[in-house]
Amino acid sequence: MGVATIEEYRPNEVSIEASLEHPGLLVLTDVYYRGWKAYVDDRPIKIFRVNQLVRGVFLQEGNHRVEFRYRPDSLTVGAAMGAIGLIAIVSLLLPSRRYHKTGQ
């Protein structure tokens, strides 16, 4: 037997306090979607697709803090590409500003 309480529920993060007498499966009835990461007591854990629709994590007995965070790889790649693009634009503009200042 176990008890789980949702402490915080936001679009990109869910925090749950769980207490289990025996190992079990904690199921969050949100649709399973790639990009979600799960952490139990601040350690990464694998998310399983339950009934081909929702997501769940296996927990050992005891008290646990479970966090689901939406961090898709595409977001990380997009942010890195944006930063590289910004650095490229700035590096292209800096030499032209120096040239115009010395040419006057």
N, C-alpha and C. Protein backbone atom coordinates (compact mmCIF):
# COMPACT_ATOMS: atom_id res chain seq x y z
N MET A 1 0.85 -1.18 0.00
CA MET A 1 0.00 0.00 0.00
C MET A 1 0.89 1.24 0.00
N GLY A 2 0.43 2.30 -0.58
CA GLY A 2 1.20 3.52 -0.63
C GLY A 2 0.31 4.74 -0.78
N VAL A 3 0.92 5.88 -0.54
CA VAL A 3 0.21 7.16 -0.66
C VAL A 3 1.09 8.09 -1.48
N ALA A 4 0.48 8.81 -2.41
CA ALA A 4 1.20 9.80 -3.20
C ALA A 4 0.40 11.10 -3.22
N THR A 5 1.09 12.20 -3.01
CA THR A 5 0.45 13.52 -2.99
C THR A 5 1.17 14.43 -3.98
N ILE A 6 0.41 15.02 -4.88
CA ILE A 6 1.01 15.99 -5.81
C ILE A 6 1.20 17.30 -5.05
N GLU A 7 2.46 17.69 -4.89
CA GLU A 7 2.80 18.92 -4.17
C GLU A 7 2.75 20.14 -5.08
N GLU A 8 3.16 19.96 -6.32
CA GLU A 8 3.19 21.07 -7.28
C GLU A 8 2.93 20.53 -8.67
N TYR A 9 2.07 21.20 -9.39
CA TYR A 9 1.73 20.76 -10.74
C TYR A 9 1.76 21.97 -11.67
N ARG A 10 2.77 22.01 -12.53
CA ARG A 10 2.89 23.09 -13.52
C ARG A 10 3.02 22.44 -14.89
N PRO A 11 2.86 23.20 -15.96
CA PRO A 11 2.92 22.60 -17.30
C PRO A 11 4.21 21.84 -17.59
N ASN A 12 5.34 22.28 -17.05
CA ASN A 12 6.62 21.63 -17.36
C ASN A 12 7.25 20.92 -16.17
N GLU A 13 6.58 20.91 -15.03
CA GLU A 13 7.14 20.27 -13.83
C GLU A 13 6.02 19.75 -12.94
N VAL A 14 6.25 18.55 -12.40
CA VAL A 14 5.32 17.97 -11.43
C VAL A 14 6.14 17.43 -10.28
N SER A 15 5.79 17.81 -9.05
CA SER A 15 6.48 17.32 -7.86
C SER A 15 5.51 16.50 -7.03
N ILE A 16 5.95 15.31 -6.62
CA ILE A 16 5.09 14.39 -5.89
C ILE A 16 5.84 13.87 -4.68
N GLU A 17 5.15 13.80 -3.55
CA GLU A 17 5.67 13.14 -2.36
C GLU A 17 5.00 11.77 -2.29
N ALA A 18 5.80 10.72 -2.21
CA ALA A 18 5.25 9.36 -2.20
C ALA A 18 5.80 8.58 -1.01
N SER A 19 4.94 7.75 -0.43
CA SER A 19 5.33 6.89 0.67
C SER A 19 4.79 5.49 0.38
N LEU A 20 5.70 4.51 0.30
CA LEU A 20 5.30 3.15 -0.04
C LEU A 20 5.76 2.17 1.03
N GLU A 21 4.90 1.20 1.33
CA GLU A 21 5.28 0.13 2.25
C GLU A 21 6.06 -0.97 1.53
N HIS A 22 5.83 -1.10 0.23
CA HIS A 22 6.48 -2.11 -0.61
C HIS A 22 6.87 -1.45 -1.93
N PRO A 23 7.83 -2.00 -2.66
CA PRO A 23 8.16 -1.45 -3.98
C PRO A 23 6.90 -1.41 -4.85
N GLY A 24 6.81 -0.39 -5.69
CA GLY A 24 5.62 -0.26 -6.53
C GLY A 24 5.83 0.67 -7.69
N LEU A 25 4.79 0.84 -8.45
CA LEU A 25 4.80 1.69 -9.64
C LEU A 25 3.96 2.93 -9.37
N LEU A 26 4.58 4.10 -9.47
CA LEU A 26 3.86 5.36 -9.35
C LEU A 26 3.45 5.78 -10.76
N VAL A 27 2.15 5.92 -11.00
CA VAL A 27 1.65 6.26 -12.32
C VAL A 27 1.06 7.65 -12.28
N LEU A 28 1.51 8.49 -13.19
CA LEU A 28 0.95 9.82 -13.38
C LEU A 28 0.07 9.73 -14.61
N THR A 29 -1.18 10.07 -14.48
CA THR A 29 -2.11 9.83 -15.59
C THR A 29 -2.09 10.93 -16.65
N ASP A 30 -0.95 11.58 -16.79
CA ASP A 30 -0.75 12.47 -17.93
C ASP A 30 -0.25 11.62 -19.09
N VAL A 31 -0.49 12.08 -20.29
CA VAL A 31 -0.06 11.33 -21.47
C VAL A 31 1.46 11.24 -21.52
N TYR A 32 1.95 10.03 -21.81
CA TYR A 32 3.39 9.81 -21.97
C TYR A 32 3.85 10.59 -23.20
N TYR A 33 4.94 11.32 -23.05
CA TYR A 33 5.48 12.08 -24.17
C TYR A 33 6.98 12.17 -24.00
N ARG A 34 7.71 11.92 -25.09
CA ARG A 34 9.17 12.02 -25.03
C ARG A 34 9.55 13.43 -24.61
N GLY A 35 10.61 13.53 -23.87
CA GLY A 35 11.07 14.83 -23.40
C GLY A 35 10.89 15.00 -21.91
N TRP A 36 10.05 14.17 -21.30
CA TRP A 36 9.91 14.22 -19.85
C TRP A 36 11.08 13.47 -19.21
N LYS A 37 11.63 14.02 -18.16
CA LYS A 37 12.68 13.39 -17.37
C LYS A 37 12.11 13.19 -15.97
N ALA A 38 12.51 12.11 -15.30
CA ALA A 38 12.04 11.85 -13.94
C ALA A 38 13.22 11.75 -12.99
N TYR A 39 12.99 12.21 -11.76
CA TYR A 39 14.00 12.17 -10.72
C TYR A 39 13.34 11.70 -9.42
N VAL A 40 13.98 10.73 -8.77
CA VAL A 40 13.52 10.26 -7.47
C VAL A 40 14.61 10.62 -6.48
N ASP A 41 14.24 11.44 -5.52
CA ASP A 41 15.20 11.93 -4.51
C ASP A 41 16.43 12.53 -5.20
N ASP A 42 16.19 13.33 -6.22
CA ASP A 42 17.20 14.06 -7.00
C ASP A 42 18.10 13.17 -7.85
N ARG A 43 17.74 11.92 -8.04
CA ARG A 43 18.50 11.04 -8.92
C ARG A 43 17.66 10.69 -10.14
N PRO A 44 18.25 10.74 -11.34
CA PRO A 44 17.48 10.42 -12.55
C PRO A 44 16.98 8.97 -12.51
N ILE A 45 15.79 8.77 -13.05
CA ILE A 45 15.20 7.43 -13.11
C ILE A 45 14.45 7.31 -14.43
N LYS A 46 14.36 6.10 -14.92
CA LYS A 46 13.69 5.86 -16.19
C LYS A 46 12.18 5.98 -16.05
N ILE A 47 11.58 6.61 -17.05
CA ILE A 47 10.11 6.70 -17.12
C ILE A 47 9.63 5.58 -18.03
N PHE A 48 8.60 4.88 -17.58
CA PHE A 48 8.02 3.80 -18.37
C PHE A 48 6.67 4.23 -18.94
N ARG A 49 6.38 3.76 -20.12
CA ARG A 49 5.08 3.99 -20.74
C ARG A 49 4.14 2.93 -20.16
N VAL A 50 3.13 3.38 -19.45
CA VAL A 50 2.19 2.48 -18.79
C VAL A 50 0.92 2.40 -19.63
N ASN A 51 0.50 1.18 -19.96
CA ASN A 51 -0.68 0.95 -20.80
C ASN A 51 -0.61 1.71 -22.13
N GLN A 52 0.61 1.90 -22.61
CA GLN A 52 0.86 2.58 -23.89
C GLN A 52 0.34 4.01 -23.94
N LEU A 53 -0.02 4.60 -22.80
CA LEU A 53 -0.62 5.92 -22.83
C LEU A 53 -0.06 6.90 -21.79
N VAL A 54 0.12 6.44 -20.56
CA VAL A 54 0.53 7.34 -19.48
C VAL A 54 1.93 6.99 -19.01
N ARG A 55 2.46 7.78 -18.07
CA ARG A 55 3.84 7.57 -17.63
C ARG A 55 3.90 7.14 -16.17
N GLY A 56 4.94 6.37 -15.88
CA GLY A 56 5.12 5.90 -14.51
C GLY A 56 6.57 5.61 -14.21
N VAL A 57 6.88 5.55 -12.92
CA VAL A 57 8.22 5.23 -12.45
C VAL A 57 8.12 4.18 -11.35
N PHE A 58 9.11 3.30 -11.31
CA PHE A 58 9.16 2.31 -10.24
C PHE A 58 9.84 2.91 -9.02
N LEU A 59 9.27 2.66 -7.85
CA LEU A 59 9.81 3.18 -6.60
C LEU A 59 10.05 2.04 -5.62
N GLN A 60 11.08 2.19 -4.80
CA GLN A 60 11.32 1.26 -3.71
C GLN A 60 10.48 1.69 -2.51
N GLU A 61 10.38 0.81 -1.53
CA GLU A 61 9.62 1.17 -0.33
C GLU A 61 10.28 2.35 0.36
N GLY A 62 9.47 3.12 1.09
CA GLY A 62 9.99 4.28 1.80
C GLY A 62 9.36 5.57 1.31
N ASN A 63 9.91 6.67 1.79
CA ASN A 63 9.42 8.00 1.42
C ASN A 63 10.31 8.57 0.32
N HIS A 64 9.66 9.14 -0.68
CA HIS A 64 10.40 9.66 -1.83
C HIS A 64 9.79 10.96 -2.33
N ARG A 65 10.67 11.77 -2.90
CA ARG A 65 10.23 12.96 -3.64
C ARG A 65 10.46 12.63 -5.11
N VAL A 66 9.39 12.67 -5.88
CA VAL A 66 9.46 12.34 -7.31
C VAL A 66 9.19 13.62 -8.09
N GLU A 67 10.05 13.91 -9.04
CA GLU A 67 9.88 15.09 -9.88
C GLU A 67 9.90 14.69 -11.34
N PHE A 68 8.93 15.17 -12.07
CA PHE A 68 8.90 15.03 -13.52
C PHE A 68 9.17 16.42 -14.08
N ARG A 69 10.12 16.49 -15.01
CA ARG A 69 10.45 17.78 -15.65
C ARG A 69 10.45 17.59 -17.16
N TYR A 70 9.81 18.52 -17.84
CA TYR A 70 9.79 18.46 -19.30
C TYR A 70 11.01 19.19 -19.83
N ARG A 71 11.97 18.42 -20.32
CA ARG A 71 13.22 18.96 -20.86
C ARG A 71 13.55 18.22 -22.15
N PRO A 72 12.85 18.53 -23.24
CA PRO A 72 13.13 17.81 -24.48
C PRO A 72 14.51 18.14 -25.02
N ASP A 73 15.13 17.16 -25.66
CA ASP A 73 16.45 17.36 -26.25
C ASP A 73 16.42 18.46 -27.31
N SER A 74 15.30 18.60 -28.01
CA SER A 74 15.19 19.63 -29.04
C SER A 74 15.32 21.03 -28.44
N LEU A 75 14.87 21.22 -27.22
CA LEU A 75 15.00 22.52 -26.56
C LEU A 75 16.47 22.83 -26.29
N THR A 76 17.22 21.84 -25.83
CA THR A 76 18.64 22.03 -25.56
C THR A 76 19.40 22.32 -26.85
N VAL A 77 19.12 21.55 -27.89
CA VAL A 77 19.78 21.76 -29.18
C VAL A 77 19.43 23.14 -29.74
N GLY A 78 18.18 23.51 -29.65
CA GLY A 78 17.75 24.82 -30.15
C GLY A 78 18.42 25.97 -29.40
N ALA A 79 18.53 25.85 -28.08
CA ALA A 79 19.18 26.89 -27.29
C ALA A 79 20.66 26.99 -27.65
N ALA A 80 21.32 25.85 -27.84
CA ALA A 80 22.74 25.86 -28.21
C ALA A 80 22.92 26.49 -29.59
N MET A 81 22.06 26.15 -30.53
CA MET A 81 22.18 26.73 -31.88
C MET A 81 21.92 28.24 -31.85
N GLY A 82 20.96 28.66 -31.02
CA GLY A 82 20.70 30.08 -30.89
C GLY A 82 21.89 30.83 -30.32
N ALA A 83 22.53 30.25 -29.32
CA ALA A 83 23.71 30.88 -28.72
C ALA A 83 24.86 30.96 -29.72
N ILE A 84 25.06 29.89 -30.47
CA ILE A 84 26.12 29.89 -31.50
C ILE A 84 25.83 30.96 -32.55
N GLY A 85 24.58 31.07 -32.96
CA GLY A 85 24.20 32.08 -33.94
C GLY A 85 24.43 33.49 -33.42
N LEU A 86 24.08 33.72 -32.16
CA LEU A 86 24.29 35.04 -31.56
C LEU A 86 25.77 35.38 -31.49
N ILE A 87 26.58 34.42 -31.09
CA ILE A 87 28.03 34.63 -31.03
C ILE A 87 28.58 34.93 -32.42
N ALA A 88 28.10 34.22 -33.44
CA ALA A 88 28.56 34.44 -34.81
C ALA A 88 28.20 35.84 -35.28
N ILE A 89 26.99 36.29 -35.01
CA ILE A 89 26.55 37.62 -35.43
C ILE A 89 27.39 38.70 -34.74
N VAL A 90 27.58 38.56 -33.44
CA VAL A 90 28.37 39.54 -32.70
C VAL A 90 29.80 39.56 -33.20
N SER A 91 30.38 38.39 -33.45
CA SER A 91 31.78 38.36 -33.92
C SER A 91 31.91 38.94 -35.32
N LEU A 92 30.86 38.86 -36.13
CA LEU A 92 30.92 39.47 -37.46
C LEU A 92 30.75 40.98 -37.39
N LEU A 93 29.99 41.47 -36.42
CA LEU A 93 29.75 42.91 -36.31
C LEU A 93 30.91 43.65 -35.65
N LEU A 94 31.61 43.01 -34.72
CA LEU A 94 32.70 43.69 -34.01
C LEU A 94 33.82 44.16 -34.93
N PRO A 95 34.33 43.35 -35.86
CA PRO A 95 35.40 43.85 -36.74
C PRO A 95 34.94 45.04 -37.60
N SER A 96 33.70 45.05 -38.03
CA SER A 96 33.24 46.15 -38.87
C SER A 96 33.14 47.44 -38.06
N ARG A 97 32.80 47.36 -36.78
CA ARG A 97 32.76 48.57 -35.95
C ARG A 97 34.16 49.12 -35.73
N ARG A 98 35.14 48.24 -35.54
CA ARG A 98 36.51 48.70 -35.35
C ARG A 98 37.05 49.35 -36.62
N TYR A 99 36.70 48.79 -37.78
CA TYR A 99 37.16 49.34 -39.05
C TYR A 99 36.60 50.74 -39.26
N HIS A 100 35.33 50.92 -38.97
CA HIS A 100 34.72 52.24 -39.15
C HIS A 100 35.29 53.27 -38.19
N LYS A 101 35.64 52.90 -36.99
CA LYS A 101 36.20 53.85 -36.03
C LYS A 101 37.60 54.29 -36.45
N THR A 102 38.42 53.38 -36.93
CA THR A 102 39.79 53.74 -37.32
C THR A 102 39.81 54.45 -38.65
N GLY A 103 38.82 54.27 -39.47
CA GLY A 103 38.81 54.87 -40.79
C GLY A 103 38.38 56.32 -40.77
N GLN A 104 37.85 56.82 -39.67
CA GLN A 104 37.35 58.21 -39.62
C GLN A 104 38.40 59.20 -39.36
